[in-house]
Amino acid sequence: MRDNIHELESQEDGAETLGYDEVYYRSTFYDNSDERISGIVYLARVRPGDRILDLGCGPGALAVRCALMGAQVFGADPSRAALRLSERRARMSGVRLELFEFDGRRLPFSDSFFDTIIMADVAEHIDDPSLSCLLDECHRMLRPGGRLVVHTAPSLEAIRICGLLRRLTFGAIDLHARLVTPEYEHLHIRYHSQNSIRSVLRRSGLSPIVWGRVKYLKNSWPRWLERSLGWLLADQVWALAFKGMPPALTFPEAPYLDAIDIPSELDMGSCEGLVIGSGFYEPEEGSFRWTEKDAVFYLRSDERSAGLTMQLSAPRPDIERKPLKLRVQVNGRDVRTFRLNDTGCKTIDIPGVIRPGLNKVRLSVDRTFTPCNWGINRDSRRLGIVVYRAGVRLTG
């Protein structure tokens, strides 16, 4: 044992010689973005005292985030460079990680030891037999009802579509470099589709929910095409798999487990009766900022029927000259279209559209912008678009 890095076996520095060194983990190719980490942490449902395994922990950003939330975190990686970076990050953050140099086979944990296991950006770096072996281990180590969070990118669908587009245009349109950095492409052994991830999870005895998202190729396609064929154009594959049957959905989880709008591109926030989906950001508790052309939220109502009241603010400098078009959908049905032409706060009432139980509300506008005078604002730097504020309440 070196510090808190456990060596399971005497191994050569194979991972480093293959390119998994500090240079790789510090490069822009390695996705340490807050967006990715926040999405994984939310799906992991991290709670104080939970035992969490970050399998393929890399430089430790995700593991440290979970530890800061009070979880007991274990990290495993075949790269000693990654483990050294993880140990250093944990020490600087004032938390402890138990780190294991992992040879890709059996880990020294008892059956049903973990509440949650995370496999973020691991599947594309190993072959099919190794992935199957790893998922069998995950099934063994998870407690009944425990969850496995999987993320892999780029997707096989995206690789194929970009290759086809390059051939059809005789190289004039080449999006491949937006998916994979050529310098590190040799580290990707196997690209996965949503179907291949679903199949391998099921073969290991897990109950998966699998979906795709567009990230690296965002804005590469017409918006209508991305919306209608998002499942095909998605360049990321996400999965949430349970040991045993998925539990009964609690209200806050329902939007994320119906394979629609999961997860948001940004951190989620929730308050009583309201769950925020994609397109929103919560700068402070109970205050939701709408940041995309499309935004989704979920409302729970215990009434037989209820109305929807929204207060919207759209501080666009050209809104009086060119009104903003706002479309409201409830449970997949268009209920109202509004034209906003005042930069002040506007109250919108739509009676009788909320049914008992969970309701999905989608808001769509025809354009967005980044206010130049907000350029030094931390939120605008992080999000790129800071346009609308929305407050929502049910009316009986």
Protein backbone atom coordinates (compact mmCIF):
# COMPACT_ATOMS: atom_id res chain seq x y z
CA MET A 1 0.00 0.00 0.00
CA ARG A 2 1.38 3.41 -0.99
CA ASP A 3 -0.44 6.17 0.90
CA ASN A 4 -4.04 5.12 0.24
CA ILE A 5 -3.29 3.50 -3.13
CA HIS A 6 -3.67 -0.27 -2.92
CA GLU A 7 -1.74 -2.43 -5.37
CA LEU A 8 -3.74 -5.59 -6.00
CA GLU A 9 -0.95 -7.31 -7.86
CA SER A 10 2.60 -6.55 -8.93
CA GLN A 11 2.10 -5.06 -12.37
CA GLU A 12 4.15 -3.40 -15.06
CA ASP A 13 3.34 0.21 -15.87
CA GLY A 14 1.30 -1.04 -18.82
CA ALA A 15 -1.40 1.57 -18.70
CA GLU A 16 1.13 4.40 -18.87
CA THR A 17 2.97 2.85 -21.81
CA LEU A 18 -0.33 2.66 -23.69
CA GLY A 19 -0.81 6.40 -23.25
CA TYR A 20 -2.75 6.65 -19.99
CA ASP A 21 -0.24 9.01 -18.41
CA GLU A 22 -0.50 12.39 -16.71
CA VAL A 23 -0.24 14.16 -20.07
CA TYR A 24 -3.37 12.33 -21.24
CA TYR A 25 -5.37 13.05 -18.09
CA ARG A 26 -4.41 16.72 -18.17
CA SER A 27 -5.25 17.12 -21.86
CA THR A 28 -8.42 18.74 -23.18
CA PHE A 29 -9.36 15.35 -24.63
CA TYR A 30 -10.13 14.02 -21.15
CA ASP A 31 -13.62 15.25 -20.29
CA ASN A 32 -13.51 16.67 -16.77
CA SER A 33 -16.32 19.14 -17.47
CA ASP A 34 -18.66 20.13 -14.68
CA GLU A 35 -21.57 19.30 -16.98
CA ARG A 36 -20.52 15.66 -17.30
CA ILE A 37 -19.65 15.25 -13.62
CA SER A 38 -22.88 16.89 -12.43
CA GLY A 39 -24.98 14.65 -14.66
CA ILE A 40 -23.27 11.51 -13.37
CA VAL A 41 -23.50 12.59 -9.73
CA TYR A 42 -27.20 13.34 -10.09
CA LEU A 43 -27.92 9.94 -11.62
CA ALA A 44 -25.82 8.27 -8.92
CA ARG A 45 -28.11 9.76 -6.23
CA VAL A 46 -25.14 10.31 -3.91
CA ARG A 47 -26.09 10.32 -0.22
CA PRO A 48 -23.93 10.69 2.90
CA GLY A 49 -22.60 7.31 4.00
CA ASP A 50 -23.17 5.56 0.66
CA ARG A 51 -20.44 3.24 -0.54
CA ILE A 52 -19.57 4.27 -4.08
CA LEU A 53 -17.08 2.70 -6.48
CA ASP A 54 -15.73 4.86 -9.31
CA LEU A 55 -14.53 2.20 -11.72
CA GLY A 56 -11.99 3.77 -14.06
CA CYS A 57 -11.68 6.79 -11.79
CA GLY A 58 -9.06 8.60 -13.89
CA PRO A 59 -7.73 11.77 -12.22
CA GLY A 60 -10.39 11.64 -9.51
CA ALA A 61 -12.62 14.67 -10.16
CA LEU A 62 -15.80 12.59 -10.00
CA ALA A 63 -14.67 10.52 -7.01
CA VAL A 64 -13.73 13.64 -5.05
CA ARG A 65 -17.10 15.26 -5.83
CA CYS A 66 -18.88 12.22 -4.37
CA ALA A 67 -16.60 12.23 -1.31
CA LEU A 68 -17.33 15.90 -0.69
CA MET A 69 -21.02 14.96 -0.60
CA GLY A 70 -20.34 12.61 2.32
CA ALA A 71 -20.06 9.28 0.52
CA GLN A 72 -17.42 6.63 1.26
CA VAL A 73 -15.68 6.50 -2.10
CA PHE A 74 -13.44 3.84 -3.63
CA GLY A 75 -11.64 4.39 -6.91
CA ALA A 76 -10.11 1.80 -9.22
CA ASP A 77 -7.99 2.33 -12.32
CA PRO A 78 -5.26 0.40 -14.18
CA SER A 79 -3.18 3.57 -14.53
CA ARG A 80 -0.87 4.47 -11.66
CA ALA A 81 -0.65 7.99 -13.08
CA ALA A 82 -4.42 8.32 -12.71
CA LEU A 83 -4.32 7.04 -9.15
CA ARG A 84 -1.54 9.45 -8.22
CA LEU A 85 -3.57 12.35 -9.62
CA SER A 86 -6.66 11.13 -7.76
CA GLU A 87 -4.76 10.87 -4.49
CA ARG A 88 -3.33 14.35 -4.96
CA ARG A 89 -6.75 15.85 -5.77
CA ALA A 90 -8.33 14.17 -2.73
CA ARG A 91 -5.59 15.45 -0.44
CA MET A 92 -6.00 19.01 -1.74
CA SER A 93 -9.79 18.77 -1.27
CA GLY A 94 -9.52 17.45 2.28
CA VAL A 95 -11.21 14.11 1.61
CA ARG A 96 -10.03 10.51 1.57
CA LEU A 97 -10.37 8.08 -1.31
CA GLU A 98 -9.51 4.39 -1.14
CA LEU A 99 -7.72 3.82 -4.44
CA PHE A 100 -6.98 0.48 -6.10
CA GLU A 101 -4.71 -0.36 -8.99
CA PHE A 102 -7.02 -2.61 -10.95
CA ASP A 103 -5.97 -5.24 -13.47
CA GLY A 104 -9.41 -5.46 -15.11
CA ARG A 105 -10.43 -8.63 -13.33
CA ARG A 106 -11.74 -9.32 -9.84
CA LEU A 107 -11.79 -6.57 -7.22
CA PRO A 108 -11.23 -7.35 -3.52
CA PHE A 109 -14.72 -6.42 -2.34
CA SER A 110 -17.36 -8.70 -0.91
CA ASP A 111 -20.67 -9.40 -2.60
CA SER A 112 -23.30 -6.64 -2.32
CA PHE A 113 -20.71 -4.20 -0.95
CA PHE A 114 -21.60 -1.05 -2.92
CA ASP A 115 -24.70 1.12 -3.09
CA THR A 116 -23.62 2.64 -6.41
CA ILE A 117 -20.97 1.92 -9.03
CA ILE A 118 -19.95 4.45 -11.67
CA MET A 119 -18.38 3.46 -15.01
CA ALA A 120 -17.82 6.76 -16.80
CA ASP A 121 -15.96 6.56 -20.12
CA VAL A 122 -14.61 3.07 -19.57
CA ALA A 123 -16.53 0.90 -22.05
CA GLU A 124 -14.90 2.44 -25.14
CA HIS A 125 -11.41 1.62 -23.82
CA ILE A 126 -11.82 -2.15 -23.39
CA ASP A 127 -12.84 -5.10 -25.56
CA ASP A 128 -16.13 -6.96 -25.29
CA PRO A 129 -14.92 -9.88 -23.10
CA SER A 130 -13.32 -7.43 -20.65
CA LEU A 131 -16.49 -5.33 -20.51
CA SER A 132 -18.63 -8.41 -19.86
CA CYS A 133 -16.27 -9.51 -17.08
CA LEU A 134 -16.34 -6.03 -15.56
CA LEU A 135 -20.14 -5.84 -15.60
CA ASP A 136 -20.39 -9.29 -14.03
CA GLU A 137 -18.20 -7.94 -11.22
CA CYS A 138 -20.45 -4.89 -10.91
CA HIS A 139 -23.48 -7.14 -10.53
CA ARG A 140 -21.69 -9.14 -7.85
CA MET A 141 -20.54 -6.10 -5.87
CA LEU A 142 -23.81 -4.12 -6.01
CA ARG A 143 -26.31 -4.52 -3.20
CA PRO A 144 -29.83 -5.58 -4.22
CA GLY A 145 -31.49 -2.49 -5.64
CA GLY A 146 -28.11 -0.80 -6.14
CA ARG A 147 -27.45 1.20 -9.27
CA LEU A 148 -24.77 1.35 -11.93
CA VAL A 149 -24.24 4.57 -13.90
CA VAL A 150 -22.62 4.15 -17.32
CA HIS A 151 -21.44 6.79 -19.77
CA THR A 152 -19.56 6.13 -23.00
CA ALA A 153 -18.67 8.37 -25.93
CA PRO A 154 -18.52 8.78 -28.81
CA SER A 155 -21.34 6.49 -29.80
CA LEU A 156 -21.09 3.96 -32.60
CA GLU A 157 -24.02 5.68 -34.33
CA ALA A 158 -22.17 9.02 -34.37
CA ILE A 159 -18.97 7.44 -35.69
CA ARG A 160 -20.89 5.75 -38.52
CA ILE A 161 -22.90 8.85 -39.44
CA CYS A 162 -19.80 11.04 -39.55
CA GLY A 163 -18.00 8.46 -41.67
CA LEU A 164 -20.93 8.25 -44.08
CA LEU A 165 -21.17 12.04 -44.31
CA ARG A 166 -17.46 12.30 -45.03
CA ARG A 167 -17.70 9.74 -47.85
CA LEU A 168 -20.84 11.27 -49.39
CA THR A 169 -19.25 14.73 -49.48
CA PHE A 170 -15.82 13.44 -50.61
CA GLY A 171 -14.27 14.78 -47.41
CA ALA A 172 -15.81 18.26 -47.62
CA ILE A 173 -17.74 17.66 -44.38
CA ASP A 174 -15.61 15.88 -41.80
CA LEU A 175 -16.97 15.93 -38.25
CA HIS A 176 -14.90 13.01 -36.99
CA ALA A 177 -12.35 15.23 -35.22
CA ARG A 178 -15.17 16.69 -33.11
CA LEU A 179 -15.77 13.20 -31.73
CA VAL A 180 -12.23 11.93 -31.19
CA THR A 181 -8.87 13.69 -30.87
CA PRO A 182 -6.59 11.97 -33.42
CA GLU A 183 -3.68 11.95 -30.96
CA TYR A 184 -5.61 9.68 -28.58
CA GLU A 185 -7.89 7.79 -30.96
CA HIS A 186 -5.78 4.64 -30.56
CA LEU A 187 -6.98 4.41 -26.94
CA HIS A 188 -10.53 3.71 -28.12
CA ILE A 189 -10.90 -0.01 -28.70
CA ARG A 190 -14.65 -0.44 -29.12
CA TYR A 191 -17.43 2.06 -29.83
CA HIS A 192 -20.88 1.24 -28.49
CA SER A 193 -24.43 1.85 -29.58
CA GLN A 194 -27.37 2.21 -27.25
CA ASN A 195 -28.42 -1.32 -28.20
CA SER A 196 -25.00 -2.85 -27.50
CA ILE A 197 -24.83 -1.24 -24.05
CA ARG A 198 -28.36 -2.37 -23.26
CA SER A 199 -27.57 -5.94 -24.34
CA VAL A 200 -24.34 -6.32 -22.38
CA LEU A 201 -25.95 -4.91 -19.22
CA ARG A 202 -28.82 -7.36 -19.50
CA ARG A 203 -26.44 -10.29 -20.05
CA SER A 204 -24.79 -9.42 -16.73
CA GLY A 205 -28.14 -9.66 -14.95
CA LEU A 206 -28.76 -5.91 -14.61
CA SER A 207 -31.97 -4.04 -15.47
CA PRO A 208 -30.92 -1.12 -17.71
CA ILE A 209 -32.47 2.13 -18.87
CA VAL A 210 -30.45 3.43 -21.83
CA TRP A 211 -30.63 6.71 -23.74
CA GLY A 212 -28.51 8.92 -25.96
CA ARG A 213 -27.63 12.61 -26.01
CA VAL A 214 -26.10 14.98 -28.52
CA LYS A 215 -23.11 16.90 -27.16
CA TYR A 216 -20.02 16.92 -29.36
CA LEU A 217 -22.01 17.36 -32.57
CA LYS A 218 -24.47 19.84 -31.11
CA ASN A 219 -25.43 22.50 -33.67
CA SER A 220 -24.03 20.30 -36.46
CA TRP A 221 -27.53 19.30 -37.57
CA PRO A 222 -30.71 21.27 -38.28
CA ARG A 223 -32.64 21.62 -35.05
CA TRP A 224 -35.72 19.87 -36.43
CA LEU A 225 -33.57 16.91 -37.47
CA GLU A 226 -31.86 16.71 -34.07
CA ARG A 227 -35.23 16.83 -32.34
CA SER A 228 -36.88 14.15 -34.49
CA LEU A 229 -33.86 11.84 -34.88
CA GLY A 230 -32.06 12.55 -31.61
CA TRP A 231 -31.90 8.83 -30.80
CA LEU A 232 -29.93 8.27 -34.01
CA LEU A 233 -27.74 11.39 -33.93
CA ALA A 234 -26.81 11.07 -30.25
CA ASP A 235 -23.03 11.00 -29.83
CA GLN A 236 -23.13 9.93 -26.16
CA VAL A 237 -24.63 6.80 -24.60
CA TRP A 238 -25.93 6.93 -21.04
CA ALA A 239 -27.30 4.07 -18.96
CA LEU A 240 -28.71 3.59 -15.51
CA ALA A 241 -28.84 -0.08 -14.53
CA PHE A 242 -30.20 -1.69 -11.37
CA LYS A 243 -29.43 -4.94 -9.61
CA GLY A 244 -32.90 -6.41 -9.62
CA MET A 245 -35.92 -4.63 -10.99
CA PRO A 246 -35.84 -0.81 -11.05
CA PRO A 247 -37.47 0.56 -7.90
CA ALA A 248 -40.83 2.28 -7.95
CA LEU A 249 -40.23 5.77 -9.24
CA THR A 250 -40.20 8.52 -6.67
CA PHE A 251 -41.44 11.90 -7.81
CA PRO A 252 -38.03 13.55 -8.20
CA GLU A 253 -36.65 10.60 -10.17
CA ALA A 254 -39.53 10.09 -12.58
CA PRO A 255 -38.37 12.56 -15.25
CA TYR A 256 -34.95 10.96 -15.39
CA LEU A 257 -36.11 7.36 -15.58
CA ASP A 258 -38.67 7.63 -18.38
CA ALA A 259 -35.88 7.81 -20.97
CA ILE A 260 -37.04 11.28 -22.01
CA ASP A 261 -35.05 14.43 -21.27
CA ILE A 262 -32.51 12.58 -19.14
CA PRO A 263 -30.36 14.06 -17.93
CA SER A 264 -30.42 17.83 -18.26
CA GLU A 265 -27.33 19.43 -19.70
CA LEU A 266 -27.01 21.35 -16.45
CA ASP A 267 -27.31 20.76 -12.75
CA MET A 268 -30.83 19.95 -11.61
CA GLY A 269 -32.81 21.61 -8.89
CA SER A 270 -36.10 20.60 -7.34
CA CYS A 271 -38.59 22.01 -4.88
CA GLU A 272 -41.89 20.75 -3.57
CA GLY A 273 -44.20 19.90 -6.46
CA LEU A 274 -41.70 20.92 -9.14
CA VAL A 275 -38.85 19.10 -10.86
CA ILE A 276 -36.63 20.89 -13.33
CA GLY A 277 -35.64 19.07 -16.51
CA SER A 278 -33.47 20.05 -19.45
CA GLY A 279 -32.82 23.66 -20.36
CA PHE A 280 -32.88 25.11 -16.84
CA TYR A 281 -30.20 26.09 -14.37
CA GLU A 282 -30.74 26.85 -10.68
CA PRO A 283 -28.40 29.66 -9.55
CA GLU A 284 -29.98 29.60 -6.11
CA GLU A 285 -32.50 27.37 -4.39
CA GLY A 286 -35.99 27.83 -5.81
CA SER A 287 -34.87 30.25 -8.54
CA PHE A 288 -34.71 28.65 -11.97
CA ARG A 289 -33.07 30.26 -14.97
CA TRP A 290 -34.16 29.12 -18.40
CA THR A 291 -31.13 28.83 -20.67
CA GLU A 292 -32.09 27.01 -23.87
CA LYS A 293 -34.57 27.38 -26.73
CA ASP A 294 -36.46 24.44 -25.27
CA ALA A 295 -36.98 23.83 -21.58
CA VAL A 296 -38.76 21.04 -19.72
CA PHE A 297 -40.12 20.86 -16.21
CA TYR A 298 -42.45 18.52 -14.36
CA LEU A 299 -45.33 19.41 -12.06
CA ARG A 300 -47.13 17.17 -9.64
CA SER A 301 -50.76 17.88 -8.80
CA ASP A 302 -52.96 16.14 -6.25
CA GLU A 303 -56.05 17.96 -7.55
CA ARG A 304 -58.51 16.49 -10.04
CA SER A 305 -57.51 19.26 -12.41
CA ALA A 306 -55.56 22.45 -12.06
CA GLY A 307 -54.38 25.40 -14.04
CA LEU A 308 -50.84 26.51 -14.76
CA THR A 309 -49.61 30.00 -13.90
CA MET A 310 -46.19 31.14 -15.09
CA GLN A 311 -44.31 34.36 -14.56
CA LEU A 312 -41.77 34.95 -17.31
CA SER A 313 -39.15 37.59 -17.86
CA ALA A 314 -37.41 37.89 -21.23
CA PRO A 315 -34.87 40.75 -21.10
CA ARG A 316 -34.19 41.00 -24.82
CA PRO A 317 -33.24 44.41 -26.21
CA ASP A 318 -35.20 43.83 -29.43
CA ILE A 319 -38.33 42.29 -27.91
CA GLU A 320 -40.56 45.34 -28.47
CA ARG A 321 -39.55 45.51 -32.12
CA LYS A 322 -39.63 41.76 -32.67
CA PRO A 323 -41.89 39.92 -30.19
CA LEU A 324 -40.69 36.62 -28.78
CA LYS A 325 -42.82 33.63 -29.71
CA LEU A 326 -43.44 31.22 -26.82
CA ARG A 327 -45.12 27.84 -27.23
CA VAL A 328 -46.38 25.84 -24.25
CA GLN A 329 -46.96 22.07 -24.35
CA VAL A 330 -48.42 20.02 -21.51
CA ASN A 331 -48.07 16.23 -21.61
CA GLY A 332 -47.16 16.35 -25.30
CA ARG A 333 -50.12 18.53 -26.32
CA ASP A 334 -49.90 22.12 -27.56
CA VAL A 335 -52.00 24.23 -25.19
CA ARG A 336 -51.10 27.83 -25.97
CA THR A 337 -48.80 30.07 -28.01
CA PHE A 338 -47.90 33.53 -26.70
CA ARG A 339 -46.11 36.56 -28.08
CA LEU A 340 -43.94 38.38 -25.55
CA ASN A 341 -43.23 42.01 -26.41
CA ASP A 342 -42.43 43.49 -23.01
CA THR A 343 -39.10 43.16 -21.20
CA GLY A 344 -40.90 43.25 -17.87
CA CYS A 345 -42.36 40.28 -16.01
CA LYS A 346 -45.38 38.77 -17.72
CA THR A 347 -47.92 36.50 -15.98
CA ILE A 348 -49.48 33.73 -18.06
CA ASP A 349 -52.51 31.74 -16.89
CA ILE A 350 -53.62 28.52 -18.60
CA PRO A 351 -56.62 26.97 -16.82
CA GLY A 352 -57.44 23.28 -16.62
CA VAL A 353 -54.36 21.83 -18.35
CA ILE A 354 -52.76 20.07 -15.36
CA ARG A 355 -54.06 16.58 -14.61
CA PRO A 356 -53.64 14.56 -11.39
CA GLY A 357 -50.18 13.04 -10.96
CA LEU A 358 -47.01 13.97 -12.82
CA ASN A 359 -47.26 16.43 -15.71
CA LYS A 360 -44.59 17.25 -18.27
CA VAL A 361 -44.45 20.88 -19.41
CA ARG A 362 -42.29 21.97 -22.36
CA LEU A 363 -41.58 25.61 -23.20
CA SER A 364 -40.17 26.60 -26.60
CA VAL A 365 -39.09 29.99 -27.91
CA ASP A 366 -38.05 31.03 -31.39
CA ARG A 367 -34.65 32.51 -30.52
CA THR A 368 -32.11 33.14 -27.76
CA PHE A 369 -29.17 35.46 -27.22
CA THR A 370 -26.37 36.22 -24.78
CA PRO A 371 -26.68 39.69 -23.25
CA CYS A 372 -23.34 41.45 -23.75
CA ASN A 373 -23.61 43.26 -20.44
CA TRP A 374 -23.79 39.87 -18.67
CA GLY A 375 -20.48 38.74 -20.11
CA ILE A 376 -18.66 38.95 -16.80
CA ASN A 377 -21.41 37.08 -14.99
CA ARG A 378 -20.29 33.64 -13.82
CA ASP A 379 -23.52 32.03 -15.02
CA SER A 380 -23.21 33.44 -18.53
CA ARG A 381 -19.61 32.24 -18.80
CA ARG A 382 -20.65 28.79 -17.71
CA LEU A 383 -23.84 28.46 -19.72
CA GLY A 384 -23.21 30.52 -22.82
CA ILE A 385 -26.86 31.63 -22.89
CA VAL A 386 -28.57 33.49 -20.08
CA VAL A 387 -31.89 34.79 -21.28
CA TYR A 388 -35.08 33.92 -19.47
CA ARG A 389 -36.29 33.54 -15.93
CA ALA A 390 -39.40 31.51 -15.19
CA GLY A 391 -41.40 31.03 -12.03
CA VAL A 392 -44.18 28.43 -11.99
CA ARG A 393 -47.08 27.64 -9.64
CA LEU A 394 -50.23 25.55 -9.79
CA THR A 395 -53.65 27.14 -9.52
CA GLY A 396 -56.54 25.10 -8.12
